[in-house]
Amino acid sequence: MRIMIIGGGNVGYYLTKSLSVENHRIMIVEENRSRCEQITSNLGPRHIEVTCGDGTDIECLREAGIFDTDVLVAVTGHDQNNLVACQLAKDYFGVKQTISRVKNPKNIRVFEKLGVDSVISSTERIAGIINQELDWADVNKLLKDRSCDVRLREFTVGQGSAFEHKCLKDLSLPKGLIIIAVLRADQAIIPGGTTCLEAGDMVVVWGGEAELAAALSQPANG
């Protein structure tokens, strides 16, 4: 599948990283040149094309390859830019599926009324988003149908578990396992290496079934 991601911040970066392991062709558009260079350097040539430019500009979208895009995902930090990118993709370029992040949950219905197919608020619980908005169950079914053992899973950090009070950089996770979100109270955190897990956190993980089973069966802390 060919996926264009508008916005190369933390959300766009980790989304690109998680999707690229599935051999999707990812086209990411980001305005900040140093950020573009960082993405290219960190992710390397794994079916990813990075375009430095404005995702609300028609010429930039054309240059980035939008005519060949199956899905456009707008995840910049500005709701208005995300909406414009989605509207251009669907109405001007004929992209079939558009997904937008919104920072203000009050904009969800507005985006939906204006034609965005899936709208995600970073302040909502991602568990609900996974089940209702993006329907990751269908994603897992698609992966299984294609004889792929990569899955999306969620688990809650238990009190006294091997994950409690641990920063991501200190976890001994199997290679290829990616923690893509941490839910804490009413916050949805896009994690980095210094993100520490606490009891009660809901963690969304992407990886192979064997690696997931090994990681989630780690014993409690001694």
Protein backbone atom coordinates (compact mmCIF):
# COMPACT_ATOMS: atom_id res chain seq x y z
CA MET A 1 0.00 0.00 0.00
CA ARG A 2 1.18 3.54 -0.75
CA ILE A 3 0.73 5.84 2.23
CA MET A 4 1.47 9.56 2.36
CA ILE A 5 2.06 11.06 5.81
CA ILE A 6 1.84 14.83 6.25
CA GLY A 7 3.95 15.89 9.21
CA GLY A 8 7.26 14.45 10.37
CA GLY A 9 7.03 15.25 14.07
CA ASN A 10 6.94 12.55 16.75
CA VAL A 11 3.56 11.20 15.64
CA GLY A 12 4.51 11.10 11.95
CA TYR A 13 7.92 9.63 12.70
CA TYR A 14 6.70 6.72 14.82
CA LEU A 15 3.80 6.06 12.47
CA THR A 16 6.26 5.89 9.57
CA LYS A 17 8.59 3.65 11.56
CA SER A 18 5.81 1.20 12.47
CA LEU A 19 4.27 1.06 8.99
CA SER A 20 7.56 0.71 7.15
CA VAL A 21 8.23 -2.71 8.66
CA GLU A 22 5.25 -3.98 6.65
CA ASN A 23 6.87 -3.00 3.34
CA HIS A 24 4.27 -0.33 2.68
CA ARG A 25 5.64 2.46 0.52
CA ILE A 26 5.68 5.53 2.75
CA MET A 27 5.89 9.08 1.43
CA ILE A 28 6.37 11.62 4.21
CA VAL A 29 6.05 15.39 3.76
CA GLU A 30 7.63 17.67 6.37
CA GLU A 31 8.38 21.41 6.27
CA ASN A 32 11.45 21.41 8.51
CA ARG A 33 14.52 20.50 6.47
CA SER A 34 16.63 19.35 9.43
CA ARG A 35 13.77 17.12 10.54
CA CYS A 36 13.60 15.64 7.02
CA GLU A 37 17.32 14.88 7.15
CA GLN A 38 16.92 13.30 10.59
CA ILE A 39 14.08 11.05 9.39
CA THR A 40 16.07 9.98 6.34
CA SER A 41 19.14 9.27 8.47
CA ASN A 42 17.29 7.36 11.19
CA LEU A 43 14.95 5.27 9.06
CA GLY A 44 17.13 4.74 6.02
CA PRO A 45 15.97 3.30 2.68
CA ARG A 46 13.09 1.14 3.89
CA HIS A 47 10.45 2.00 1.29
CA ILE A 48 10.38 5.62 2.55
CA GLU A 49 10.49 8.81 0.48
CA VAL A 50 10.89 12.14 2.29
CA THR A 51 9.81 15.42 0.71
CA CYS A 52 10.68 18.74 2.35
CA GLY A 53 7.72 21.04 1.83
CA ASP A 54 4.25 22.23 2.79
CA GLY A 55 1.63 19.47 2.89
CA THR A 56 -1.10 22.01 2.13
CA ASP A 57 0.54 23.07 -1.14
CA ILE A 58 -0.75 21.43 -4.33
CA GLU A 59 2.62 21.45 -6.10
CA CYS A 60 4.36 19.95 -3.09
CA LEU A 61 1.79 17.16 -2.85
CA ARG A 62 2.14 16.49 -6.57
CA GLU A 63 5.93 16.36 -6.29
CA ALA A 64 5.69 13.99 -3.31
CA GLY A 65 3.69 11.49 -5.39
CA ILE A 66 0.12 11.97 -4.27
CA PHE A 67 -1.34 10.70 -7.56
CA ASP A 68 -0.11 7.22 -6.59
CA THR A 69 -1.33 7.43 -2.98
CA ASP A 70 -3.85 4.99 -1.48
CA VAL A 71 -4.11 6.64 1.95
CA LEU A 72 -3.18 10.12 3.19
CA VAL A 73 -2.57 10.61 6.91
CA ALA A 74 -2.26 14.20 8.20
CA VAL A 75 -0.57 14.40 11.61
CA THR A 76 0.94 17.89 11.81
CA GLY A 77 0.51 19.86 15.03
CA HIS A 78 -1.99 22.21 13.36
CA ASP A 79 -5.60 21.11 12.90
CA GLN A 80 -6.25 23.55 10.06
CA ASN A 81 -3.28 22.26 8.05
CA ASN A 82 -4.37 18.66 8.59
CA LEU A 83 -7.87 19.46 7.34
CA VAL A 84 -6.62 21.28 4.25
CA ALA A 85 -4.23 18.44 3.38
CA CYS A 86 -7.03 15.88 3.65
CA GLN A 87 -9.45 17.97 1.59
CA LEU A 88 -6.87 18.52 -1.15
CA ALA A 89 -6.04 14.82 -1.18
CA LYS A 90 -9.66 13.71 -1.52
CA ASP A 91 -11.27 16.51 -3.56
CA TYR A 92 -8.39 17.58 -5.82
CA PHE A 93 -6.31 14.43 -6.20
CA GLY A 94 -8.93 11.73 -5.67
CA VAL A 95 -7.21 9.88 -2.80
CA LYS A 96 -9.68 7.26 -1.55
CA GLN A 97 -8.86 7.27 2.18
CA THR A 98 -7.92 10.22 4.39
CA ILE A 99 -7.02 10.13 8.09
CA SER A 100 -6.41 13.20 10.24
CA ARG A 101 -5.12 13.84 13.71
CA VAL A 102 -6.78 16.71 15.63
CA LYS A 103 -5.34 18.41 18.70
CA ASN A 104 -8.70 19.91 19.68
CA PRO A 105 -11.33 17.18 20.16
CA LYS A 106 -14.05 19.75 19.41
CA ASN A 107 -12.90 19.67 15.77
CA ILE A 108 -13.68 15.98 15.30
CA ARG A 109 -17.26 16.41 14.05
CA VAL A 110 -16.29 19.35 11.87
CA PHE A 111 -13.60 17.28 10.16
CA GLU A 112 -16.00 14.39 9.66
CA LYS A 113 -18.66 16.68 8.17
CA LEU A 114 -16.06 18.12 5.81
CA GLY A 115 -15.26 14.69 4.42
CA VAL A 116 -12.25 13.36 6.38
CA ASP A 117 -12.74 9.59 6.57
CA SER A 118 -11.13 8.93 9.97
CA VAL A 119 -10.46 11.56 12.63
CA ILE A 120 -8.25 10.92 15.65
CA SER A 121 -7.86 13.10 18.72
CA SER A 122 -4.56 12.69 20.53
CA THR A 123 -6.37 13.48 23.81
CA GLU A 124 -8.80 10.58 23.43
CA ARG A 125 -8.01 7.07 24.61
CA ILE A 126 -6.16 5.31 21.83
CA ALA A 127 -7.82 2.03 22.74
CA GLY A 128 -11.11 3.53 21.61
CA ILE A 129 -9.49 4.95 18.50
CA ILE A 130 -8.02 1.58 17.61
CA ASN A 131 -11.38 -0.14 17.93
CA GLN A 132 -13.65 2.51 16.45
CA GLU A 133 -11.75 4.89 14.21
CA LEU A 134 -8.89 3.00 12.56
CA ASP A 135 -10.36 -0.47 13.14
CA TRP A 136 -7.00 -2.15 13.79
CA ALA A 137 -8.79 -5.49 14.09
CA ASP A 138 -9.19 -5.31 10.33
CA VAL A 139 -5.51 -4.41 10.01
CA ASN A 140 -4.53 -7.49 11.99
CA LYS A 141 -6.87 -9.63 9.88
CA LEU A 142 -5.30 -8.23 6.72
CA LEU A 143 -1.81 -9.01 8.00
CA LYS A 144 -2.86 -12.54 8.95
CA ASP A 145 -4.50 -13.10 5.56
CA ARG A 146 -1.19 -12.18 3.92
CA SER A 147 0.66 -14.78 5.98
CA CYS A 148 2.39 -12.09 8.01
CA ASP A 149 2.98 -12.64 11.74
CA VAL A 150 3.14 -8.92 12.63
CA ARG A 151 0.32 -7.77 14.91
CA LEU A 152 -0.86 -4.76 16.88
CA ARG A 153 -1.41 -5.48 20.58
CA GLU A 154 -2.22 -3.56 23.74
CA PHE A 155 -1.42 -4.42 27.35
CA THR A 156 -1.67 -2.75 30.74
CA VAL A 157 1.45 -2.33 32.88
CA GLY A 158 0.86 -4.29 36.09
CA GLN A 159 2.05 -3.28 39.52
CA GLY A 160 5.35 -5.03 40.21
CA SER A 161 5.74 -6.12 36.59
CA ALA A 162 9.03 -6.05 34.68
CA PHE A 163 7.85 -2.89 32.90
CA GLU A 164 6.93 -0.77 35.92
CA HIS A 165 9.21 2.24 36.55
CA LYS A 166 11.29 1.34 33.46
CA CYS A 167 12.22 3.77 30.68
CA LEU A 168 11.79 2.42 27.16
CA LYS A 169 15.52 2.63 26.47
CA ASP A 170 16.15 0.30 29.42
CA LEU A 171 13.65 -2.38 28.38
CA SER A 172 15.11 -5.54 26.89
CA LEU A 173 12.58 -5.77 24.09
CA PRO A 174 13.09 -8.23 21.22
CA LYS A 175 14.37 -6.76 17.97
CA GLY A 176 11.57 -5.46 15.74
CA LEU A 177 9.15 -4.71 18.58
CA ILE A 178 7.94 -1.12 18.62
CA ILE A 179 5.97 0.64 21.38
CA ILE A 180 3.92 3.16 19.44
CA ALA A 181 1.76 4.72 22.18
CA VAL A 182 1.37 4.93 25.94
CA LEU A 183 -2.02 5.81 27.47
CA ARG A 184 -1.88 7.41 30.90
CA ALA A 185 -5.10 8.72 32.46
CA ASP A 186 -6.54 10.99 29.75
CA GLN A 187 -3.21 11.44 27.96
CA ALA A 188 -1.98 9.68 24.82
CA ILE A 189 1.83 9.76 24.80
CA ILE A 190 3.94 9.15 21.70
CA PRO A 191 6.91 7.61 23.52
CA GLY A 192 10.63 8.11 23.20
CA GLY A 193 13.56 6.36 24.84
CA THR A 194 13.22 8.40 28.04
CA THR A 195 9.50 7.67 28.47
CA CYS A 196 9.07 5.71 31.70
CA LEU A 197 6.20 3.28 32.22
CA GLU A 198 4.05 3.27 35.32
CA ALA A 199 1.51 0.83 36.74
CA GLY A 200 -1.84 1.30 35.02
CA ASP A 201 -0.37 2.58 31.74
CA MET A 202 -1.94 1.04 28.65
CA VAL A 203 0.76 0.34 26.06
CA VAL A 204 0.15 -0.17 22.33
CA VAL A 205 2.80 -2.41 20.75
CA TRP A 206 3.56 -3.38 17.13
CA GLY A 207 5.62 -6.45 16.32
CA GLY A 208 5.86 -10.14 15.45
CA GLU A 209 3.68 -12.58 17.37
CA ALA A 210 6.65 -14.52 18.79
CA GLU A 211 8.39 -11.33 19.92
CA LEU A 212 5.15 -10.00 21.44
CA ALA A 213 4.60 -13.23 23.36
CA ALA A 214 8.18 -13.18 24.68
CA ALA A 215 8.02 -9.54 25.74
CA LEU A 216 4.60 -9.75 27.41
CA SER A 217 5.56 -12.83 29.41
CA GLN A 218 8.44 -11.15 31.21
CA PRO A 219 8.33 -12.02 34.94
CA ALA A 220 7.57 -9.56 37.70
CA ASN A 221 10.36 -7.55 39.30
CA GLY A 222 12.16 -9.26 42.11
